[in-house]
Amino acid sequence: MEFTMLLFWIIALVVLIVVEAVTAQMVTIWFAAGAVGAIVAERLGAEVWVQWVVFVAVSAVALIATRPLVKKITKAKVQPTNADRCIGMVAVVTEEINNVEGRGQVHVNGVTWTARSLDGSIFKKGERVIVERIDGVKLIVKA
């Protein structure tokens, strides 16, 4: 059996679809569309260089036309929680914060949280700190 460009484009199409099926992100679907365009060009008797131009052009058009929509659909939605309200608030250290020893607690907004220092500073019990961010179940605080 002679290896033809038609066979090449069919193999490329199958490989691109399989890669798309096993990945979590849309990464090859546009090139699969380009391979379909190249198959059509090959069937119409186009030269090999024309098939490649069709492949690149169809892939680019598909990418440009659909990428913004795909990004919008696949964008992870951040669900704000009540804990997010702590960010920027003043907290009171209830247990010395010492990152090296892996300990520290603060009280903020009526809740006691495990806390760590943003820059490694040690904060004594009773000091006031500002909540910079939340990392898992710990508040990251600064002076």
N, C-alpha and C. Protein backbone atom coordinates (compact mmCIF):
# COMPACT_ATOMS: atom_id res chain seq x y z
N MET A 1 0.85 -1.19 0.00
CA MET A 1 0.00 0.00 0.00
C MET A 1 0.89 1.25 0.00
N GLU A 2 0.62 2.14 -0.87
CA GLU A 2 1.40 3.37 -0.99
C GLU A 2 0.94 4.37 0.06
N PHE A 3 1.94 5.01 0.69
CA PHE A 3 1.63 6.03 1.68
C PHE A 3 1.29 7.32 0.95
N THR A 4 0.10 7.79 1.13
CA THR A 4 -0.34 9.00 0.44
C THR A 4 -0.61 10.10 1.44
N MET A 5 -0.79 11.29 0.93
CA MET A 5 -1.13 12.42 1.80
C MET A 5 -2.49 12.21 2.44
N LEU A 6 -3.39 11.54 1.73
CA LEU A 6 -4.69 11.26 2.34
C LEU A 6 -4.51 10.43 3.60
N LEU A 7 -3.69 9.41 3.52
CA LEU A 7 -3.42 8.57 4.69
C LEU A 7 -2.76 9.39 5.79
N PHE A 8 -1.82 10.25 5.41
CA PHE A 8 -1.16 11.12 6.38
C PHE A 8 -2.18 11.98 7.13
N TRP A 9 -3.08 12.64 6.39
CA TRP A 9 -4.06 13.53 7.01
C TRP A 9 -5.05 12.76 7.87
N ILE A 10 -5.42 11.56 7.47
CA ILE A 10 -6.34 10.75 8.28
C ILE A 10 -5.66 10.34 9.58
N ILE A 11 -4.40 9.91 9.49
CA ILE A 11 -3.67 9.55 10.71
C ILE A 11 -3.53 10.77 11.62
N ALA A 12 -3.19 11.92 11.02
CA ALA A 12 -3.07 13.15 11.82
C ALA A 12 -4.38 13.49 12.51
N LEU A 13 -5.49 13.37 11.78
CA LEU A 13 -6.80 13.65 12.35
C LEU A 13 -7.10 12.74 13.53
N VAL A 14 -6.85 11.45 13.35
CA VAL A 14 -7.12 10.48 14.43
C VAL A 14 -6.25 10.78 15.64
N VAL A 15 -4.96 11.02 15.42
CA VAL A 15 -4.06 11.31 16.54
C VAL A 15 -4.50 12.58 17.27
N LEU A 16 -4.85 13.62 16.53
CA LEU A 16 -5.27 14.88 17.15
C LEU A 16 -6.56 14.70 17.95
N ILE A 17 -7.48 13.91 17.44
CA ILE A 17 -8.73 13.66 18.18
C ILE A 17 -8.46 12.85 19.44
N VAL A 18 -7.58 11.86 19.35
CA VAL A 18 -7.24 11.05 20.53
C VAL A 18 -6.56 11.93 21.58
N VAL A 19 -5.62 12.77 21.17
CA VAL A 19 -4.96 13.68 22.12
C VAL A 19 -5.99 14.59 22.77
N GLU A 20 -6.91 15.11 21.98
CA GLU A 20 -7.96 15.97 22.53
C GLU A 20 -8.82 15.22 23.54
N ALA A 21 -9.11 13.97 23.24
CA ALA A 21 -9.97 13.17 24.13
C ALA A 21 -9.31 12.87 25.46
N VAL A 22 -7.99 12.76 25.50
CA VAL A 22 -7.32 12.37 26.75
C VAL A 22 -6.78 13.56 27.54
N THR A 23 -6.92 14.77 27.01
CA THR A 23 -6.46 15.93 27.75
C THR A 23 -7.64 16.66 28.37
N ALA A 24 -7.35 17.35 29.45
CA ALA A 24 -8.40 18.07 30.16
C ALA A 24 -8.71 19.42 29.52
N GLN A 25 -7.79 19.95 28.76
CA GLN A 25 -7.97 21.25 28.12
C GLN A 25 -8.13 21.05 26.61
N MET A 26 -8.78 22.01 25.99
CA MET A 26 -8.89 21.95 24.53
C MET A 26 -7.57 22.44 23.95
N VAL A 27 -6.79 21.51 23.38
CA VAL A 27 -5.48 21.88 22.87
C VAL A 27 -5.26 21.51 21.41
N THR A 28 -5.96 20.52 20.89
CA THR A 28 -5.69 20.08 19.51
C THR A 28 -6.92 20.10 18.61
N ILE A 29 -8.05 20.47 19.12
CA ILE A 29 -9.27 20.40 18.33
C ILE A 29 -9.19 21.29 17.09
N TRP A 30 -8.51 22.44 17.20
CA TRP A 30 -8.40 23.35 16.07
C TRP A 30 -7.56 22.73 14.95
N PHE A 31 -6.54 21.99 15.36
CA PHE A 31 -5.68 21.33 14.37
C PHE A 31 -6.41 20.16 13.73
N ALA A 32 -7.29 19.53 14.48
CA ALA A 32 -8.12 18.46 13.89
C ALA A 32 -9.01 19.05 12.81
N ALA A 33 -9.55 20.24 13.05
CA ALA A 33 -10.36 20.91 12.03
C ALA A 33 -9.49 21.22 10.81
N GLY A 34 -8.25 21.62 11.04
CA GLY A 34 -7.32 21.88 9.94
C GLY A 34 -7.03 20.62 9.15
N ALA A 35 -6.91 19.49 9.85
CA ALA A 35 -6.67 18.21 9.16
C ALA A 35 -7.87 17.85 8.28
N VAL A 36 -9.08 18.11 8.76
CA VAL A 36 -10.28 17.87 7.95
C VAL A 36 -10.23 18.74 6.69
N GLY A 37 -9.85 20.00 6.85
CA GLY A 37 -9.71 20.88 5.69
C GLY A 37 -8.68 20.37 4.71
N ALA A 38 -7.56 19.85 5.22
CA ALA A 38 -6.51 19.31 4.36
C ALA A 38 -7.00 18.05 3.64
N ILE A 39 -7.80 17.24 4.32
CA ILE A 39 -8.37 16.04 3.68
C ILE A 39 -9.26 16.46 2.50
N VAL A 40 -10.07 17.47 2.73
CA VAL A 40 -10.94 17.97 1.65
C VAL A 40 -10.09 18.47 0.49
N ALA A 41 -9.03 19.24 0.81
CA ALA A 41 -8.15 19.76 -0.24
C ALA A 41 -7.49 18.61 -1.00
N GLU A 42 -7.06 17.59 -0.30
CA GLU A 42 -6.41 16.44 -0.94
C GLU A 42 -7.39 15.73 -1.87
N ARG A 43 -8.61 15.56 -1.41
CA ARG A 43 -9.63 14.88 -2.22
C ARG A 43 -9.98 15.68 -3.47
N LEU A 44 -9.82 17.01 -3.39
CA LEU A 44 -10.09 17.86 -4.55
C LEU A 44 -8.88 17.95 -5.49
N GLY A 45 -7.81 17.22 -5.14
CA GLY A 45 -6.64 17.15 -6.00
C GLY A 45 -5.62 18.25 -5.80
N ALA A 46 -5.64 18.91 -4.66
CA ALA A 46 -4.70 20.00 -4.39
C ALA A 46 -3.29 19.46 -4.20
N GLU A 47 -2.32 20.28 -4.57
CA GLU A 47 -0.91 19.95 -4.35
C GLU A 47 -0.64 19.86 -2.84
N VAL A 48 0.46 19.20 -2.50
CA VAL A 48 0.80 19.01 -1.08
C VAL A 48 0.97 20.36 -0.39
N TRP A 49 1.63 21.32 -1.02
CA TRP A 49 1.83 22.61 -0.37
C TRP A 49 0.51 23.33 -0.13
N VAL A 50 -0.46 23.15 -1.04
CA VAL A 50 -1.78 23.74 -0.85
C VAL A 50 -2.49 23.08 0.33
N GLN A 51 -2.33 21.77 0.47
CA GLN A 51 -2.92 21.06 1.61
C GLN A 51 -2.39 21.62 2.93
N TRP A 52 -1.07 21.88 2.96
CA TRP A 52 -0.49 22.43 4.18
C TRP A 52 -1.00 23.85 4.45
N VAL A 53 -1.14 24.63 3.41
CA VAL A 53 -1.68 25.99 3.58
C VAL A 53 -3.12 25.91 4.10
N VAL A 54 -3.91 25.01 3.55
CA VAL A 54 -5.29 24.83 4.03
C VAL A 54 -5.28 24.38 5.49
N PHE A 55 -4.42 23.44 5.83
CA PHE A 55 -4.31 22.96 7.21
C PHE A 55 -4.03 24.12 8.17
N VAL A 56 -3.03 24.91 7.84
CA VAL A 56 -2.65 26.03 8.71
C VAL A 56 -3.76 27.08 8.76
N ALA A 57 -4.33 27.40 7.61
CA ALA A 57 -5.37 28.44 7.57
C ALA A 57 -6.62 28.03 8.33
N VAL A 58 -7.09 26.81 8.09
CA VAL A 58 -8.30 26.35 8.80
C VAL A 58 -8.04 26.26 10.30
N SER A 59 -6.86 25.76 10.69
CA SER A 59 -6.52 25.68 12.12
C SER A 59 -6.51 27.07 12.75
N ALA A 60 -5.89 28.03 12.06
CA ALA A 60 -5.81 29.39 12.60
C ALA A 60 -7.19 30.04 12.70
N VAL A 61 -7.99 29.88 11.67
CA VAL A 61 -9.34 30.47 11.70
C VAL A 61 -10.17 29.83 12.81
N ALA A 62 -10.09 28.51 12.94
CA ALA A 62 -10.84 27.83 14.00
C ALA A 62 -10.38 28.30 15.38
N LEU A 63 -9.09 28.45 15.54
CA LEU A 63 -8.55 28.91 16.82
C LEU A 63 -9.02 30.33 17.13
N ILE A 64 -8.87 31.22 16.17
CA ILE A 64 -9.25 32.62 16.37
C ILE A 64 -10.75 32.76 16.62
N ALA A 65 -11.54 31.97 15.91
CA ALA A 65 -13.00 32.09 16.01
C ALA A 65 -13.54 31.52 17.31
N THR A 66 -12.92 30.48 17.84
CA THR A 66 -13.52 29.78 18.98
C THR A 66 -12.76 29.93 20.29
N ARG A 67 -11.51 30.32 20.28
CA ARG A 67 -10.72 30.38 21.51
C ARG A 67 -11.33 31.27 22.59
N PRO A 68 -11.80 32.48 22.26
CA PRO A 68 -12.40 33.30 23.33
C PRO A 68 -13.62 32.62 23.97
N LEU A 69 -14.43 31.97 23.17
CA LEU A 69 -15.59 31.27 23.70
C LEU A 69 -15.16 30.09 24.58
N VAL A 70 -14.18 29.34 24.12
CA VAL A 70 -13.68 28.20 24.88
C VAL A 70 -13.08 28.66 26.20
N LYS A 71 -12.31 29.74 26.18
CA LYS A 71 -11.73 30.25 27.43
C LYS A 71 -12.82 30.66 28.40
N LYS A 72 -13.88 31.28 27.88
CA LYS A 72 -14.98 31.72 28.74
C LYS A 72 -15.69 30.52 29.36
N ILE A 73 -15.91 29.48 28.57
CA ILE A 73 -16.61 28.30 29.05
C ILE A 73 -15.77 27.51 30.05
N THR A 74 -14.47 27.36 29.78
CA THR A 74 -13.62 26.54 30.63
C THR A 74 -12.99 27.29 31.79
N LYS A 75 -13.23 28.58 31.87
CA LYS A 75 -12.65 29.39 32.95
C LYS A 75 -13.17 28.90 34.30
N ALA A 76 -12.23 28.68 35.21
CA ALA A 76 -12.62 28.25 36.55
C ALA A 76 -13.32 29.40 37.26
N LYS A 77 -14.46 29.10 37.78
CA LYS A 77 -15.22 30.13 38.50
C LYS A 77 -14.81 30.12 39.97
N VAL A 78 -14.40 31.28 40.46
CA VAL A 78 -14.02 31.43 41.86
C VAL A 78 -15.27 31.73 42.65
N GLN A 79 -15.51 30.90 43.64
CA GLN A 79 -16.69 31.09 44.48
C GLN A 79 -16.25 31.78 45.77
N PRO A 80 -16.57 33.05 45.92
CA PRO A 80 -16.17 33.72 47.16
C PRO A 80 -16.89 33.12 48.36
N THR A 81 -16.19 33.12 49.48
CA THR A 81 -16.76 32.59 50.72
C THR A 81 -16.78 33.70 51.76
N ASN A 82 -17.43 33.41 52.87
CA ASN A 82 -17.44 34.38 53.96
C ASN A 82 -16.04 34.62 54.50
N ALA A 83 -15.18 33.61 54.39
CA ALA A 83 -13.81 33.75 54.88
C ALA A 83 -13.07 34.85 54.13
N ASP A 84 -13.42 35.07 52.86
CA ASP A 84 -12.76 36.10 52.07
C ASP A 84 -12.94 37.49 52.69
N ARG A 85 -13.95 37.64 53.48
CA ARG A 85 -14.21 38.94 54.13
C ARG A 85 -13.11 39.30 55.12
N CYS A 86 -12.35 38.30 55.57
CA CYS A 86 -11.27 38.55 56.54
C CYS A 86 -10.11 39.29 55.92
N ILE A 87 -9.93 39.18 54.62
CA ILE A 87 -8.79 39.79 53.96
C ILE A 87 -8.86 41.30 54.12
N GLY A 88 -7.74 41.85 54.61
CA GLY A 88 -7.67 43.29 54.85
C GLY A 88 -8.09 43.71 56.24
N MET A 89 -8.66 42.79 57.00
CA MET A 89 -9.13 43.12 58.35
C MET A 89 -7.97 43.04 59.36
N VAL A 90 -8.17 43.70 60.49
CA VAL A 90 -7.20 43.64 61.58
C VAL A 90 -7.56 42.45 62.46
N ALA A 91 -6.55 41.64 62.78
CA ALA A 91 -6.74 40.47 63.64
C ALA A 91 -5.87 40.62 64.88
N VAL A 92 -6.27 39.94 65.93
CA VAL A 92 -5.49 39.96 67.17
C VAL A 92 -4.82 38.60 67.33
N VAL A 93 -3.53 38.62 67.58
CA VAL A 93 -2.77 37.38 67.76
C VAL A 93 -3.16 36.76 69.09
N THR A 94 -3.63 35.52 69.05
CA THR A 94 -4.03 34.82 70.28
C THR A 94 -3.00 33.77 70.69
N GLU A 95 -2.13 33.40 69.76
CA GLU A 95 -0.99 32.51 70.05
C GLU A 95 0.15 33.00 69.19
N GLU A 96 1.33 33.15 69.78
CA GLU A 96 2.48 33.69 69.05
C GLU A 96 2.59 33.05 67.66
N ILE A 97 2.79 33.92 66.65
CA ILE A 97 2.96 33.43 65.29
C ILE A 97 4.45 33.28 65.03
N ASN A 98 4.85 32.04 64.73
CA ASN A 98 6.25 31.72 64.46
C ASN A 98 6.26 30.69 63.33
N ASN A 99 6.58 31.12 62.13
CA ASN A 99 6.57 30.22 60.98
C ASN A 99 7.55 29.07 61.12
N VAL A 100 8.72 29.34 61.70
CA VAL A 100 9.75 28.30 61.84
C VAL A 100 9.24 27.16 62.71
N GLU A 101 8.54 27.51 63.78
CA GLU A 101 8.00 26.49 64.68
C GLU A 101 6.64 25.98 64.24
N GLY A 102 6.07 26.61 63.20
CA GLY A 102 4.79 26.16 62.65
C GLY A 102 3.62 26.36 63.59
N ARG A 103 3.62 27.50 64.27
CA ARG A 103 2.50 27.77 65.17
C ARG A 103 2.05 29.21 65.07
N GLY A 104 0.85 29.45 65.53
CA GLY A 104 0.30 30.78 65.55
C GLY A 104 -1.19 30.77 65.30
N GLN A 105 -1.88 31.66 66.02
CA GLN A 105 -3.32 31.81 65.84
C GLN A 105 -3.68 33.28 65.97
N VAL A 106 -4.77 33.63 65.27
CA VAL A 106 -5.31 34.97 65.38
C VAL A 106 -6.82 34.86 65.52
N HIS A 107 -7.38 35.94 66.04
CA HIS A 107 -8.84 36.04 66.17
C HIS A 107 -9.28 37.22 65.31
N VAL A 108 -10.20 36.94 64.38
CA VAL A 108 -10.68 37.98 63.49
C VAL A 108 -12.12 37.69 63.14
N ASN A 109 -12.92 38.72 63.13
CA ASN A 109 -14.32 38.59 62.72
C ASN A 109 -15.06 37.51 63.50
N GLY A 110 -14.72 37.38 64.78
CA GLY A 110 -15.41 36.42 65.65
C GLY A 110 -14.94 34.98 65.52
N VAL A 111 -13.87 34.74 64.77
CA VAL A 111 -13.40 33.38 64.53
C VAL A 111 -11.90 33.31 64.81
N THR A 112 -11.46 32.20 65.40
CA THR A 112 -10.05 31.96 65.62
C THR A 112 -9.50 31.14 64.45
N TRP A 113 -8.39 31.61 63.89
CA TRP A 113 -7.77 30.97 62.73
C TRP A 113 -6.32 30.61 63.05
N THR A 114 -5.84 29.56 62.41
CA THR A 114 -4.41 29.31 62.39
C THR A 114 -3.81 30.39 61.50
N ALA A 115 -2.63 30.89 61.88
CA ALA A 115 -2.05 31.99 61.12
C ALA A 115 -0.56 31.79 60.92
N ARG A 116 -0.07 32.34 59.83
CA ARG A 116 1.36 32.37 59.53
C ARG A 116 1.71 33.78 59.08
N SER A 117 2.96 34.14 59.29
CA SER A 117 3.44 35.46 58.91
C SER A 117 3.79 35.49 57.43
N LEU A 118 3.44 36.59 56.77
CA LEU A 118 3.73 36.76 55.35
C LEU A 118 5.23 36.77 55.09
N ASP A 119 5.98 37.48 55.92
CA ASP A 119 7.42 37.65 55.68
C ASP A 119 8.30 36.92 56.69
N GLY A 120 7.71 36.06 57.51
CA GLY A 120 8.50 35.30 58.48
C GLY A 120 8.66 36.01 59.82
N SER A 121 8.09 37.20 59.97
CA SER A 121 8.18 37.92 61.25
C SER A 121 7.49 37.12 62.34
N ILE A 122 7.96 37.31 63.56
CA ILE A 122 7.32 36.69 64.72
C ILE A 122 6.42 37.74 65.36
N PHE A 123 5.17 37.35 65.62
CA PHE A 123 4.21 38.25 66.25
C PHE A 123 3.83 37.66 67.60
N LYS A 124 3.89 38.51 68.63
CA LYS A 124 3.59 38.09 70.00
C LYS A 124 2.09 38.13 70.25
N LYS A 125 1.66 37.35 71.25
CA LYS A 125 0.26 37.33 71.66
C LYS A 125 -0.19 38.75 72.03
N GLY A 126 -1.36 39.12 71.52
CA GLY A 126 -1.92 40.43 71.81
C GLY A 126 -1.63 41.47 70.73
N GLU A 127 -0.64 41.22 69.86
CA GLU A 127 -0.35 42.17 68.78
C GLU A 127 -1.47 42.17 67.76
N ARG A 128 -1.58 43.30 67.07
CA ARG A 128 -2.56 43.41 65.99
C ARG A 128 -1.83 43.23 64.65
N VAL A 129 -2.45 42.47 63.78
CA VAL A 129 -1.88 42.20 62.46
C VAL A 129 -2.98 42.39 61.41
N ILE A 130 -2.57 42.49 60.17
CA ILE A 130 -3.53 42.64 59.06
C ILE A 130 -3.53 41.35 58.24
N VAL A 131 -4.71 40.88 57.93
CA VAL A 131 -4.85 39.66 57.13
C VAL A 131 -4.55 40.00 55.67
N GLU A 132 -3.52 39.37 55.12
CA GLU A 132 -3.10 39.62 53.75
C GLU A 132 -3.83 38.70 52.77
N ARG A 133 -3.93 37.42 53.12
CA ARG A 133 -4.60 36.45 52.25
C ARG A 133 -4.92 35.20 53.05
N ILE A 134 -5.64 34.30 52.39
CA ILE A 134 -5.97 33.01 52.99
C ILE A 134 -5.27 31.93 52.18
N ASP A 135 -4.56 31.04 52.87
CA ASP A 135 -3.86 29.93 52.22
C ASP A 135 -4.41 28.64 52.83
N GLY A 136 -5.36 28.02 52.14
CA GLY A 136 -6.02 26.83 52.69
C GLY A 136 -6.88 27.22 53.87
N VAL A 137 -6.47 26.73 55.07
CA VAL A 137 -7.21 27.07 56.29
C VAL A 137 -6.40 27.98 57.19
N LYS A 138 -5.36 28.59 56.64
CA LYS A 138 -4.51 29.50 57.42
C LYS A 138 -4.64 30.91 56.87
N LEU A 139 -4.61 31.86 57.81
CA LEU A 139 -4.55 33.25 57.41
C LEU A 139 -3.08 33.65 57.32
N ILE A 140 -2.72 34.34 56.27
CA ILE A 140 -1.37 34.87 56.13
C ILE A 140 -1.45 36.35 56.51
N VAL A 141 -0.66 36.73 57.52
CA VAL A 141 -0.80 38.06 58.10
C VAL A 141 0.51 38.85 57.99
N LYS A 142 0.36 40.17 58.12
CA LYS A 142 1.52 41.07 58.13
C LYS A 142 1.31 42.12 59.20
N ALA A 143 2.40 42.84 59.48
CA ALA A 143 2.35 43.87 60.53
C ALA A 143 1.42 44.99 60.13
